[in-house]
Amino acid sequence: MVKRQAYQPILITDARRSQDDQLTSRQKRYVLMMGIRVACIVAGAILVGAKAPLLWLWLPLCAFGMVLIPWLAVLLANDRPPKEEHRLANRFQPRGRDETPPMALSAEERPHKVIDAEP
């Protein structure tokens, strides 16, 4: 006798973003952060050239941006959404003695979500 897995429909609101969507948003974030880094480099060069007041304050801030932003940009560009935590662990979790699998219940007894537009 072969056990059947419980059927659990996926709601469209629970669906994950596509790989292409994720990649595009990470690329945009990376380009934006590197643009901010370029702005820090240009601002530092202009401040040195103009011998601006409080140069001792502005240059370390620009340098901090030039060093920290590329590191953060790479980390965030390589970041992906977390994987489903312990996918196999959910299958092998022991059920309570009086807990029945969802497909063993009739349609009326199965737990379901109700979406109501009115309060």
PDB file of N, CA and C in Angstrom:
ATOM      1  N   MET A   1       0.841  -1.178   0.000  1.00  0.00           N
ATOM      2  CA  MET A   1       0.000   0.000   0.000  1.00  0.00           C
ATOM      3  C   MET A   1       0.889   1.244   0.000  1.00  0.00           C
ATOM      4  N   VAL A   2       0.659   2.148  -0.913  1.00  0.00           N
ATOM      5  CA  VAL A   2       1.453   3.358  -1.055  1.00  0.00           C
ATOM      6  C   VAL A   2       0.735   4.506  -0.361  1.00  0.00           C
ATOM      7  N   LYS A   3       1.454   5.224   0.491  1.00  0.00           N
ATOM      8  CA  LYS A   3       0.869   6.381   1.171  1.00  0.00           C
ATOM      9  C   LYS A   3       0.851   7.569   0.219  1.00  0.00           C
ATOM     10  N   ARG A   4      -0.243   8.281   0.220  1.00  0.00           N
ATOM     11  CA  ARG A   4      -0.333   9.486  -0.598  1.00  0.00           C
ATOM     12  C   ARG A   4       0.005  10.691   0.256  1.00  0.00           C
ATOM     13  N   GLN A   5       0.709  11.619  -0.350  1.00  0.00           N
ATOM     14  CA  GLN A   5       1.027  12.859   0.368  1.00  0.00           C
ATOM     15  C   GLN A   5      -0.212  13.728   0.447  1.00  0.00           C
ATOM     16  N   ALA A   6      -0.312  14.471   1.515  1.00  0.00           N
ATOM     17  CA  ALA A   6      -1.438  15.387   1.682  1.00  0.00           C
ATOM     18  C   ALA A   6      -1.306  16.522   0.676  1.00  0.00           C
ATOM     19  N   TYR A   7      -2.382  16.804  -0.016  1.00  0.00           N
ATOM     20  CA  TYR A   7      -2.390  17.880  -0.994  1.00  0.00           C
ATOM     21  C   TYR A   7      -2.610  19.196  -0.269  1.00  0.00           C
ATOM     22  N   GLN A   8      -1.710  20.132  -0.495  1.00  0.00           N
ATOM     23  CA  GLN A   8      -1.851  21.456   0.101  1.00  0.00           C
ATOM     24  C   GLN A   8      -1.734  22.489  -1.011  1.00  0.00           C
ATOM     25  N   PRO A   9      -2.842  23.131  -1.368  1.00  0.00           N
ATOM     26  CA  PRO A   9      -2.782  24.124  -2.442  1.00  0.00           C
ATOM     27  C   PRO A   9      -1.934  25.319  -2.027  1.00  0.00           C
ATOM     28  N   ILE A  10      -1.334  25.975  -3.018  1.00  0.00           N
ATOM     29  CA  ILE A  10      -0.503  27.145  -2.765  1.00  0.00           C
ATOM     30  C   ILE A  10      -1.294  28.387  -3.153  1.00  0.00           C
ATOM     31  N   LEU A  11      -1.416  29.297  -2.231  1.00  0.00           N
ATOM     32  CA  LEU A  11      -2.086  30.559  -2.525  1.00  0.00           C
ATOM     33  C   LEU A  11      -1.154  31.439  -3.333  1.00  0.00           C
ATOM     34  N   ILE A  12      -1.690  32.202  -4.241  1.00  0.00           N
ATOM     35  CA  ILE A  12      -0.863  33.071  -5.082  1.00  0.00           C
ATOM     36  C   ILE A  12      -0.132  34.115  -4.241  1.00  0.00           C
ATOM     37  N   THR A  13      -0.721  34.503  -3.112  1.00  0.00           N
ATOM     38  CA  THR A  13      -0.064  35.489  -2.255  1.00  0.00           C
ATOM     39  C   THR A  13       1.124  34.887  -1.518  1.00  0.00           C
ATOM     40  N   ASP A  14       1.179  33.541  -1.425  1.00  0.00           N
ATOM     41  CA  ASP A  14       2.290  32.871  -0.764  1.00  0.00           C
ATOM     42  C   ASP A  14       3.401  32.495  -1.739  1.00  0.00           C
ATOM     43  N   ALA A  15       3.182  32.710  -3.027  1.00  0.00           N
ATOM     44  CA  ALA A  15       4.164  32.307  -4.027  1.00  0.00           C
ATOM     45  C   ALA A  15       5.427  33.156  -3.915  1.00  0.00           C
ATOM     46  N   ARG A  16       6.542  32.506  -4.166  1.00  0.00           N
ATOM     47  CA  ARG A  16       7.812  33.232  -4.132  1.00  0.00           C
ATOM     48  C   ARG A  16       8.027  34.001  -5.420  1.00  0.00           C
ATOM     49  N   ARG A  17       8.897  35.005  -5.361  1.00  0.00           N
ATOM     50  CA  ARG A  17       9.247  35.768  -6.560  1.00  0.00           C
ATOM     51  C   ARG A  17      10.084  34.897  -7.482  1.00  0.00           C
ATOM     52  N   SER A  18       9.979  35.134  -8.775  1.00  0.00           N
ATOM     53  CA  SER A  18      10.742  34.338  -9.736  1.00  0.00           C
ATOM     54  C   SER A  18      12.233  34.648  -9.610  1.00  0.00           C
ATOM     55  N   GLN A  19      13.061  33.727 -10.101  1.00  0.00           N
ATOM     56  CA  GLN A  19      14.512  33.908 -10.063  1.00  0.00           C
ATOM     57  C   GLN A  19      14.920  35.160 -10.834  1.00  0.00           C
ATOM     58  N   ASP A  20      14.301  35.382 -11.990  1.00  0.00           N
ATOM     59  CA  ASP A  20      14.638  36.564 -12.793  1.00  0.00           C
ATOM     60  C   ASP A  20      14.288  37.852 -12.056  1.00  0.00           C
ATOM     61  N   ASP A  21      13.163  37.853 -11.387  1.00  0.00           N
ATOM     62  CA  ASP A  21      12.747  39.018 -10.597  1.00  0.00           C
ATOM     63  C   ASP A  21      13.741  39.309  -9.480  1.00  0.00           C
ATOM     64  N   GLN A  22      14.155  38.268  -8.789  1.00  0.00           N
ATOM     65  CA  GLN A  22      15.115  38.423  -7.700  1.00  0.00           C
ATOM     66  C   GLN A  22      16.445  38.935  -8.225  1.00  0.00           C
ATOM     67  N   LEU A  23      16.910  38.365  -9.335  1.00  0.00           N
ATOM     68  CA  LEU A  23      18.188  38.781  -9.904  1.00  0.00           C
ATOM     69  C   LEU A  23      18.138  40.241 -10.343  1.00  0.00           C
ATOM     70  N   THR A  24      17.054  40.639 -10.984  1.00  0.00           N
ATOM     71  CA  THR A  24      16.920  42.023 -11.444  1.00  0.00           C
ATOM     72  C   THR A  24      16.949  43.002 -10.271  1.00  0.00           C
ATOM     73  N   SER A  25      16.236  42.695  -9.202  1.00  0.00           N
ATOM     74  CA  SER A  25      16.223  43.613  -8.061  1.00  0.00           C
ATOM     75  C   SER A  25      17.589  43.670  -7.385  1.00  0.00           C
ATOM     76  N   ARG A  26      18.306  42.542  -7.327  1.00  0.00           N
ATOM     77  CA  ARG A  26      19.653  42.562  -6.739  1.00  0.00           C
ATOM     78  C   ARG A  26      20.617  43.364  -7.604  1.00  0.00           C
ATOM     79  N   GLN A  27      20.483  43.251  -8.935  1.00  0.00           N
ATOM     80  CA  GLN A  27      21.346  44.024  -9.837  1.00  0.00           C
ATOM     81  C   GLN A  27      21.087  45.526  -9.699  1.00  0.00           C
ATOM     82  N   LYS A  28      19.831  45.908  -9.602  1.00  0.00           N
ATOM     83  CA  LYS A  28      19.494  47.329  -9.446  1.00  0.00           C
ATOM     84  C   LYS A  28      20.059  47.879  -8.131  1.00  0.00           C
ATOM     85  N   ARG A  29      19.927  47.097  -7.063  1.00  0.00           N
ATOM     86  CA  ARG A  29      20.448  47.525  -5.761  1.00  0.00           C
ATOM     87  C   ARG A  29      21.968  47.673  -5.820  1.00  0.00           C
ATOM     88  N   TYR A  30      22.649  46.749  -6.506  1.00  0.00           N
ATOM     89  CA  TYR A  30      24.102  46.807  -6.623  1.00  0.00           C
ATOM     90  C   TYR A  30      24.533  48.056  -7.399  1.00  0.00           C
ATOM     91  N   VAL A  31      23.892  48.316  -8.519  1.00  0.00           N
ATOM     92  CA  VAL A  31      24.243  49.490  -9.341  1.00  0.00           C
ATOM     93  C   VAL A  31      23.990  50.775  -8.556  1.00  0.00           C
ATOM     94  N   LEU A  32      22.890  50.839  -7.822  1.00  0.00           N
ATOM     95  CA  LEU A  32      22.594  52.018  -7.013  1.00  0.00           C
ATOM     96  C   LEU A  32      23.676  52.240  -5.954  1.00  0.00           C
ATOM     97  N   MET A  33      24.068  51.183  -5.274  1.00  0.00           N
ATOM     98  CA  MET A  33      25.088  51.326  -4.224  1.00  0.00           C
ATOM     99  C   MET A  33      26.443  51.706  -4.807  1.00  0.00           C
ATOM    100  N   MET A  34      26.786  51.162  -5.944  1.00  0.00           N
ATOM    101  CA  MET A  34      28.062  51.528  -6.563  1.00  0.00           C
ATOM    102  C   MET A  34      28.013  52.963  -7.094  1.00  0.00           C
ATOM    103  N   GLY A  35      26.834  53.431  -7.485  1.00  0.00           N
ATOM    104  CA  GLY A  35      26.682  54.834  -7.874  1.00  0.00           C
ATOM    105  C   GLY A  35      26.911  55.758  -6.683  1.00  0.00           C
ATOM    106  N   ILE A  36      26.437  55.348  -5.509  1.00  0.00           N
ATOM    107  CA  ILE A  36      26.680  56.130  -4.290  1.00  0.00           C
ATOM    108  C   ILE A  36      28.172  56.138  -3.982  1.00  0.00           C
ATOM    109  N   ARG A  37      28.850  55.017  -4.222  1.00  0.00           N
ATOM    110  CA  ARG A  37      30.301  54.959  -3.991  1.00  0.00           C
ATOM    111  C   ARG A  37      31.028  55.938  -4.921  1.00  0.00           C
ATOM    112  N   VAL A  38      30.624  55.959  -6.175  1.00  0.00           N
ATOM    113  CA  VAL A  38      31.247  56.893  -7.128  1.00  0.00           C
ATOM    114  C   VAL A  38      31.012  58.328  -6.665  1.00  0.00           C
ATOM    115  N   ALA A  39      29.814  58.617  -6.162  1.00  0.00           N
ATOM    116  CA  ALA A  39      29.518  59.961  -5.659  1.00  0.00           C
ATOM    117  C   ALA A  39      30.429  60.303  -4.480  1.00  0.00           C
ATOM    118  N   CYS A  40      30.730  59.332  -3.617  1.00  0.00           N
ATOM    119  CA  CYS A  40      31.652  59.568  -2.488  1.00  0.00           C
ATOM    120  C   CYS A  40      33.059  59.884  -3.001  1.00  0.00           C
ATOM    121  N   ILE A  41      33.494  59.163  -4.026  1.00  0.00           N
ATOM    122  CA  ILE A  41      34.831  59.400  -4.594  1.00  0.00           C
ATOM    123  C   ILE A  41      34.905  60.800  -5.210  1.00  0.00           C
ATOM    124  N   VAL A  42      33.877  61.155  -5.985  1.00  0.00           N
ATOM    125  CA  VAL A  42      33.860  62.477  -6.633  1.00  0.00           C
ATOM    126  C   VAL A  42      33.773  63.580  -5.580  1.00  0.00           C
ATOM    127  N   ALA A  43      32.929  63.402  -4.568  1.00  0.00           N
ATOM    128  CA  ALA A  43      32.799  64.407  -3.512  1.00  0.00           C
ATOM    129  C   ALA A  43      34.112  64.573  -2.764  1.00  0.00           C
ATOM    130  N   GLY A  44      34.810  63.468  -2.495  1.00  0.00           N
ATOM    131  CA  GLY A  44      36.118  63.552  -1.828  1.00  0.00           C
ATOM    132  C   GLY A  44      37.129  64.309  -2.662  1.00  0.00           C
ATOM    133  N   ALA A  45      37.155  64.039  -3.970  1.00  0.00           N
ATOM    134  CA  ALA A  45      38.093  64.735  -4.857  1.00  0.00           C
ATOM    135  C   ALA A  45      37.777  66.225  -4.931  1.00  0.00           C
ATOM    136  N   ILE A  46      36.507  66.573  -5.005  1.00  0.00           N
ATOM    137  CA  ILE A  46      36.118  67.991  -5.059  1.00  0.00           C
ATOM    138  C   ILE A  46      36.472  68.691  -3.753  1.00  0.00           C
ATOM    139  N   LEU A  47      36.233  68.029  -2.621  1.00  0.00           N
ATOM    140  CA  LEU A  47      36.549  68.637  -1.330  1.00  0.00           C
ATOM    141  C   LEU A  47      38.043  68.885  -1.177  1.00  0.00           C
ATOM    142  N   VAL A  48      38.867  67.941  -1.633  1.00  0.00           N
ATOM    143  CA  VAL A  48      40.321  68.125  -1.542  1.00  0.00           C
ATOM    144  C   VAL A  48      40.757  69.253  -2.474  1.00  0.00           C
ATOM    145  N   GLY A  49      40.207  69.268  -3.696  1.00  0.00           N
ATOM    146  CA  GLY A  49      40.572  70.299  -4.666  1.00  0.00           C
ATOM    147  C   GLY A  49      40.155  71.688  -4.227  1.00  0.00           C
ATOM    148  N   ALA A  50      39.021  71.798  -3.561  1.00  0.00           N
ATOM    149  CA  ALA A  50      38.508  73.092  -3.151  1.00  0.00           C
ATOM    150  C   ALA A  50      39.027  73.513  -1.779  1.00  0.00           C
ATOM    151  N   LYS A  51      39.751  72.626  -1.116  1.00  0.00           N
ATOM    152  CA  LYS A  51      40.260  72.884   0.242  1.00  0.00           C
ATOM    153  C   LYS A  51      39.123  73.379   1.131  1.00  0.00           C
ATOM    154  N   ALA A  52      38.086  72.558   1.196  1.00  0.00           N
ATOM    155  CA  ALA A  52      36.867  72.907   1.917  1.00  0.00           C
ATOM    156  C   ALA A  52      37.121  73.004   3.418  1.00  0.00           C
ATOM    157  N   PRO A  53      36.324  73.828   4.110  1.00  0.00           N
ATOM    158  CA  PRO A  53      36.427  73.860   5.569  1.00  0.00           C
ATOM    159  C   PRO A  53      35.935  72.521   6.140  1.00  0.00           C
ATOM    160  N   LEU A  54      36.455  72.164   7.278  1.00  0.00           N
ATOM    161  CA  LEU A  54      36.143  70.899   7.938  1.00  0.00           C
ATOM    162  C   LEU A  54      36.529  69.690   7.086  1.00  0.00           C
ATOM    163  N   LEU A  55      37.618  69.824   6.329  1.00  0.00           N
ATOM    164  CA  LEU A  55      38.087  68.740   5.474  1.00  0.00           C
ATOM    165  C   LEU A  55      38.421  67.502   6.303  1.00  0.00           C
ATOM    166  N   TRP A  56      38.916  67.711   7.524  1.00  0.00           N
ATOM    167  CA  TRP A  56      39.257  66.602   8.415  1.00  0.00           C
ATOM    168  C   TRP A  56      38.033  65.759   8.784  1.00  0.00           C
ATOM    169  N   LEU A  57      36.832  66.351   8.668  1.00  0.00           N
ATOM    170  CA  LEU A  57      35.600  65.618   8.959  1.00  0.00           C
ATOM    171  C   LEU A  57      35.037  64.939   7.712  1.00  0.00           C
ATOM    172  N   TRP A  58      35.064  65.640   6.595  1.00  0.00           N
ATOM    173  CA  TRP A  58      34.448  65.140   5.374  1.00  0.00           C
ATOM    174  C   TRP A  58      35.231  64.013   4.719  1.00  0.00           C
ATOM    175  N   LEU A  59      36.542  64.095   4.711  1.00  0.00           N
ATOM    176  CA  LEU A  59      37.337  63.057   4.047  1.00  0.00           C
ATOM    177  C   LEU A  59      37.183  61.685   4.689  1.00  0.00           C
ATOM    178  N   PRO A  60      37.234  61.562   6.015  1.00  0.00           N
ATOM    179  CA  PRO A  60      36.993  60.228   6.590  1.00  0.00           C
ATOM    180  C   PRO A  60      35.593  59.687   6.291  1.00  0.00           C
ATOM    181  N   LEU A  61      34.581  60.570   6.238  1.00  0.00           N
ATOM    182  CA  LEU A  61      33.233  60.122   5.890  1.00  0.00           C
ATOM    183  C   LEU A  61      33.179  59.599   4.458  1.00  0.00           C
ATOM    184  N   CYS A  62      33.814  60.319   3.545  1.00  0.00           N
ATOM    185  CA  CYS A  62      33.872  59.863   2.145  1.00  0.00           C
ATOM    186  C   CYS A  62      34.659  58.555   2.035  1.00  0.00           C
ATOM    187  N   ALA A  63      35.772  58.469   2.736  1.00  0.00           N
ATOM    188  CA  ALA A  63      36.587  57.246   2.699  1.00  0.00           C
ATOM    189  C   ALA A  63      35.804  56.068   3.286  1.00  0.00           C
ATOM    190  N   PHE A  64      35.092  56.328   4.352  1.00  0.00           N
ATOM    191  CA  PHE A  64      34.279  55.287   4.966  1.00  0.00           C
ATOM    192  C   PHE A  64      33.239  54.772   3.965  1.00  0.00           C
ATOM    193  N   GLY A  65      32.602  55.683   3.237  1.00  0.00           N
ATOM    194  CA  GLY A  65      31.634  55.304   2.201  1.00  0.00           C
ATOM    195  C   GLY A  65      32.279  54.548   1.061  1.00  0.00           C
ATOM    196  N   MET A  66      33.494  54.958   0.679  1.00  0.00           N
ATOM    197  CA  MET A  66      34.185  54.291  -0.431  1.00  0.00           C
ATOM    198  C   MET A  66      34.607  52.873  -0.058  1.00  0.00           C
ATOM    199  N   VAL A  67      34.868  52.609   1.209  1.00  0.00           N
ATOM    200  CA  VAL A  67      35.319  51.282   1.638  1.00  0.00           C
ATOM    201  C   VAL A  67      34.133  50.399   2.036  1.00  0.00           C
ATOM    202  N   LEU A  68      33.187  50.944   2.751  1.00  0.00           N
ATOM    203  CA  LEU A  68      32.092  50.140   3.279  1.00  0.00           C
ATOM    204  C   LEU A  68      31.033  49.803   2.226  1.00  0.00           C
ATOM    205  N   ILE A  69      30.715  50.734   1.360  1.00  0.00           N
ATOM    206  CA  ILE A  69      29.641  50.521   0.392  1.00  0.00           C
ATOM    207  C   ILE A  69      29.925  49.369  -0.574  1.00  0.00           C
ATOM    208  N   PRO A  70      31.127  49.223  -1.151  1.00  0.00           N
ATOM    209  CA  PRO A  70      31.346  48.067  -2.047  1.00  0.00           C
ATOM    210  C   PRO A  70      31.178  46.728  -1.330  1.00  0.00           C
ATOM    211  N   TRP A  71      31.625  46.668  -0.091  1.00  0.00           N
ATOM    212  CA  TRP A  71      31.504  45.433   0.676  1.00  0.00           C
ATOM    213  C   TRP A  71      30.026  45.090   0.885  1.00  0.00           C
ATOM    214  N   LEU A  72      29.239  46.091   1.298  1.00  0.00           N
ATOM    215  CA  LEU A  72      27.808  45.872   1.487  1.00  0.00           C
ATOM    216  C   LEU A  72      27.099  45.558   0.167  1.00  0.00           C
ATOM    217  N   ALA A  73      27.530  46.211  -0.915  1.00  0.00           N
ATOM    218  CA  ALA A  73      26.901  45.987  -2.215  1.00  0.00           C
ATOM    219  C   ALA A  73      27.079  44.535  -2.658  1.00  0.00           C
ATOM    220  N   VAL A  74      28.255  43.980  -2.473  1.00  0.00           N
ATOM    221  CA  VAL A  74      28.501  42.590  -2.859  1.00  0.00           C
ATOM    222  C   VAL A  74      27.696  41.648  -1.971  1.00  0.00           C
ATOM    223  N   LEU A  75      27.663  41.915  -0.678  1.00  0.00           N
ATOM    224  CA  LEU A  75      26.888  41.063   0.219  1.00  0.00           C
ATOM    225  C   LEU A  75      25.407  41.064  -0.152  1.00  0.00           C
ATOM    226  N   LEU A  76      24.856  42.225  -0.397  1.00  0.00           N
ATOM    227  CA  LEU A  76      23.436  42.318  -0.718  1.00  0.00           C
ATOM    228  C   LEU A  76      23.118  41.793  -2.115  1.00  0.00           C
ATOM    229  N   ALA A  77      24.070  41.927  -3.061  1.00  0.00           N
ATOM    230  CA  ALA A  77      23.837  41.415  -4.407  1.00  0.00           C
ATOM    231  C   ALA A  77      23.822  39.888  -4.422  1.00  0.00           C
ATOM    232  N   ASN A  78      24.560  39.272  -3.531  1.00  0.00           N
ATOM    233  CA  ASN A  78      24.600  37.808  -3.467  1.00  0.00           C
ATOM    234  C   ASN A  78      23.563  37.234  -2.529  1.00  0.00           C
ATOM    235  N   ASP A  79      22.805  38.090  -1.880  1.00  0.00           N
ATOM    236  CA  ASP A  79      21.808  37.637  -0.913  1.00  0.00           C
ATOM    237  C   ASP A  79      20.582  37.111  -1.641  1.00  0.00           C
ATOM    238  N   ARG A  80      20.103  35.971  -1.181  1.00  0.00           N
ATOM    239  CA  ARG A  80      18.886  35.390  -1.731  1.00  0.00           C
ATOM    240  C   ARG A  80      17.880  35.219  -0.605  1.00  0.00           C
ATOM    241  N   PRO A  81      16.625  35.051  -0.948  1.00  0.00           N
ATOM    242  CA  PRO A  81      15.647  34.797   0.107  1.00  0.00           C
ATOM    243  C   PRO A  81      16.000  33.500   0.828  1.00  0.00           C
ATOM    244  N   PRO A  82      15.671  33.392   2.083  1.00  0.00           N
ATOM    245  CA  PRO A  82      16.001  32.178   2.821  1.00  0.00           C
ATOM    246  C   PRO A  82      15.259  30.972   2.257  1.00  0.00           C
ATOM    247  N   LYS A  83      15.925  29.829   2.293  1.00  0.00           N
ATOM    248  CA  LYS A  83      15.293  28.599   1.835  1.00  0.00           C
ATOM    249  C   LYS A  83      14.276  28.163   2.867  1.00  0.00           C
ATOM    250  N   GLU A  84      13.371  27.315   2.414  1.00  0.00           N
ATOM    251  CA  GLU A  84      12.388  26.791   3.349  1.00  0.00           C
ATOM    252  C   GLU A  84      13.145  26.059   4.441  1.00  0.00           C
ATOM    253  N   GLU A  85      12.859  26.425   5.654  1.00  0.00           N
ATOM    254  CA  GLU A  85      13.619  25.878   6.771  1.00  0.00           C
ATOM    255  C   GLU A  85      13.266  24.413   6.978  1.00  0.00           C
ATOM    256  N   HIS A  86      14.267  23.592   6.897  1.00  0.00           N
ATOM    257  CA  HIS A  86      14.142  22.162   7.173  1.00  0.00           C
ATOM    258  C   HIS A  86      12.986  21.534   6.393  1.00  0.00           C
ATOM    259  N   ARG A  87      13.116  21.552   5.081  1.00  0.00           N
ATOM    260  CA  ARG A  87      12.036  21.022   4.250  1.00  0.00           C
ATOM    261  C   ARG A  87      11.705  19.573   4.599  1.00  0.00           C
ATOM    262  N   LEU A  88      12.728  18.757   4.799  1.00  0.00           N
ATOM    263  CA  LEU A  88      12.476  17.355   5.115  1.00  0.00           C
ATOM    264  C   LEU A  88      11.994  17.174   6.543  1.00  0.00           C
ATOM    265  N   ALA A  89      12.384  18.075   7.431  1.00  0.00           N
ATOM    266  CA  ALA A  89      11.982  17.938   8.825  1.00  0.00           C
ATOM    267  C   ALA A  89      10.465  18.026   8.962  1.00  0.00           C
ATOM    268  N   ASN A  90       9.821  18.819   8.108  1.00  0.00           N
ATOM    269  CA  ASN A  90       8.363  18.941   8.175  1.00  0.00           C
ATOM    270  C   ASN A  90       7.666  17.643   7.794  1.00  0.00           C
ATOM    271  N   ARG A  91       8.271  16.862   6.934  1.00  0.00           N
ATOM    272  CA  ARG A  91       7.657  15.612   6.505  1.00  0.00           C
ATOM    273  C   ARG A  91       7.733  14.535   7.575  1.00  0.00           C
ATOM    274  N   PHE A  92       8.796  14.571   8.358  1.00  0.00           N
ATOM    275  CA  PHE A  92       9.023  13.500   9.301  1.00  0.00           C
ATOM    276  C   PHE A  92       8.684  13.859  10.744  1.00  0.00           C
ATOM    277  N   GLN A  93       8.020  14.982  10.944  1.00  0.00           N
ATOM    278  CA  GLN A  93       7.634  15.352  12.301  1.00  0.00           C
ATOM    279  C   GLN A  93       6.528  14.424  12.767  1.00  0.00           C
ATOM    280  N   PRO A  94       6.657  13.893  13.972  1.00  0.00           N
ATOM    281  CA  PRO A  94       5.595  13.012  14.463  1.00  0.00           C
ATOM    282  C   PRO A  94       4.326  13.815  14.731  1.00  0.00           C
ATOM    283  N   ARG A  95       3.204  13.256  14.362  1.00  0.00           N
ATOM    284  CA  ARG A  95       1.923  13.912  14.609  1.00  0.00           C
ATOM    285  C   ARG A  95       1.391  13.461  15.960  1.00  0.00           C
ATOM    286  N   GLY A  96       0.539  14.277  16.510  1.00  0.00           N
ATOM    287  CA  GLY A  96      -0.129  13.883  17.742  1.00  0.00           C
ATOM    288  C   GLY A  96      -1.040  12.688  17.472  1.00  0.00           C
ATOM    289  N   ARG A  97      -1.371  11.942  18.470  1.00  0.00           N
ATOM    290  CA  ARG A  97      -2.170  10.726  18.273  1.00  0.00           C
ATOM    291  C   ARG A  97      -3.561  11.049  17.729  1.00  0.00           C
ATOM    292  N   ASP A  98      -4.150  12.136  18.165  1.00  0.00           N
ATOM    293  CA  ASP A  98      -5.492  12.445  17.696  1.00  0.00           C
ATOM    294  C   ASP A  98      -5.488  13.434  16.534  1.00  0.00           C
ATOM    295  N   GLU A  99      -4.314  13.730  15.978  1.00  0.00           N
ATOM    296  CA  GLU A  99      -4.238  14.635  14.822  1.00  0.00           C
ATOM    297  C   GLU A  99      -4.258  13.808  13.553  1.00  0.00           C
ATOM    298  N   THR A 100      -5.184  14.087  12.662  1.00  0.00           N
ATOM    299  CA  THR A 100      -5.284  13.333  11.422  1.00  0.00           C
ATOM    300  C   THR A 100      -4.734  14.160  10.277  1.00  0.00           C
ATOM    301  N   PRO A 101      -4.174  13.511   9.249  1.00  0.00           N
ATOM    302  CA  PRO A 101      -3.666  14.275   8.111  1.00  0.00           C
ATOM    303  C   PRO A 101      -4.802  15.018   7.413  1.00  0.00           C
ATOM    304  N   PRO A 102      -4.511  16.170   6.790  1.00  0.00           N
ATOM    305  CA  PRO A 102      -5.567  16.996   6.194  1.00  0.00           C
ATOM    306  C   PRO A 102      -6.412  16.273   5.152  1.00  0.00           C
ATOM    307  N   MET A 103      -5.826  15.391   4.341  1.00  0.00           N
ATOM    308  CA  MET A 103      -6.598  14.742   3.289  1.00  0.00           C
ATOM    309  C   MET A 103      -7.510  13.652   3.843  1.00  0.00           C
ATOM    310  N   ALA A 104      -7.287  13.204   5.072  1.00  0.00           N
ATOM    311  CA  ALA A 104      -8.148  12.193   5.673  1.00  0.00           C
ATOM    312  C   ALA A 104      -9.473  12.806   6.120  1.00  0.00           C
ATOM    313  N   LEU A 105      -9.528  14.117   6.219  1.00  0.00           N
ATOM    314  CA  LEU A 105     -10.741  14.805   6.643  1.00  0.00           C
ATOM    315  C   LEU A 105     -11.622  15.080   5.433  1.00  0.00           C
ATOM    316  N   SER A 106     -12.897  15.215   5.650  1.00  0.00           N
ATOM    317  CA  SER A 106     -13.793  15.579   4.551  1.00  0.00           C
ATOM    318  C   SER A 106     -13.582  17.058   4.224  1.00  0.00           C
ATOM    319  N   ALA A 107     -14.151  17.491   3.127  1.00  0.00           N
ATOM    320  CA  ALA A 107     -13.958  18.872   2.676  1.00  0.00           C
ATOM    321  C   ALA A 107     -14.459  19.873   3.710  1.00  0.00           C
ATOM    322  N   GLU A 108     -15.547  19.549   4.410  1.00  0.00           N
ATOM    323  CA  GLU A 108     -16.094  20.465   5.401  1.00  0.00           C
ATOM    324  C   GLU A 108     -15.228  20.526   6.654  1.00  0.00           C
ATOM    325  N   GLU A 109     -14.546  19.427   6.976  1.00  0.00           N
ATOM    326  CA  GLU A 109     -13.748  19.373   8.199  1.00  0.00           C
ATOM    327  C   GLU A 109     -12.342  19.943   8.018  1.00  0.00           C
ATOM    328  N   ARG A 110     -11.873  20.025   6.760  1.00  0.00           N
ATOM    329  CA  ARG A 110     -10.517  20.504   6.518  1.00  0.00           C
ATOM    330  C   ARG A 110     -10.367  21.957   6.930  1.00  0.00           C
ATOM    331  N   PRO A 111      -9.193  22.314   7.511  1.00  0.00           N
ATOM    332  CA  PRO A 111      -8.961  23.733   7.829  1.00  0.00           C
ATOM    333  C   PRO A 111      -8.817  24.522   6.530  1.00  0.00           C
ATOM    334  N   HIS A 112      -9.375  25.700   6.493  1.00  0.00           N
ATOM    335  CA  HIS A 112      -9.289  26.533   5.302  1.00  0.00           C
ATOM    336  C   HIS A 112      -9.237  28.007   5.706  1.00  0.00           C
ATOM    337  N   LYS A 113      -8.704  28.788   4.795  1.00  0.00           N
ATOM    338  CA  LYS A 113      -8.608  30.223   5.039  1.00  0.00           C
ATOM    339  C   LYS A 113      -9.849  30.895   4.444  1.00  0.00           C
ATOM    340  N   VAL A 114     -10.355  31.863   5.170  1.00  0.00           N
ATOM    341  CA  VAL A 114     -11.491  32.628   4.693  1.00  0.00           C
ATOM    342  C   VAL A 114     -11.015  34.048   4.425  1.00  0.00           C
ATOM    343  N   ILE A 115     -11.240  34.513   3.221  1.00  0.00           N
ATOM    344  CA  ILE A 115     -10.861  35.871   2.854  1.00  0.00           C
ATOM    345  C   ILE A 115     -12.151  36.665   2.715  1.00  0.00           C
ATOM    346  N   ASP A 116     -12.308  37.652   3.590  1.00  0.00           N
ATOM    347  CA  ASP A 116     -13.528  38.433   3.605  1.00  0.00           C
ATOM    348  C   ASP A 116     -13.175  39.898   3.441  1.00  0.00           C
ATOM    349  N   ALA A 117     -13.800  40.549   2.471  1.00  0.00           N
ATOM    350  CA  ALA A 117     -13.492  41.948   2.209  1.00  0.00           C
ATOM    351  C   ALA A 117     -14.190  42.880   3.177  1.00  0.00           C
ATOM    352  N   GLU A 118     -15.258  42.425   3.778  1.00  0.00           N
ATOM    353  CA  GLU A 118     -16.012  43.275   4.692  1.00  0.00           C
ATOM    354  C   GLU A 118     -15.624  42.960   6.137  1.00  0.00           C
ATOM    355  N   PRO A 119     -15.561  43.985   6.991  1.00  0.00           N
ATOM    356  CA  PRO A 119     -15.180  43.750   8.402  1.00  0.00           C
ATOM    357  C   PRO A 119     -16.243  43.046   9.190  1.00  0.00           C
TER     358      PRO A 119
END
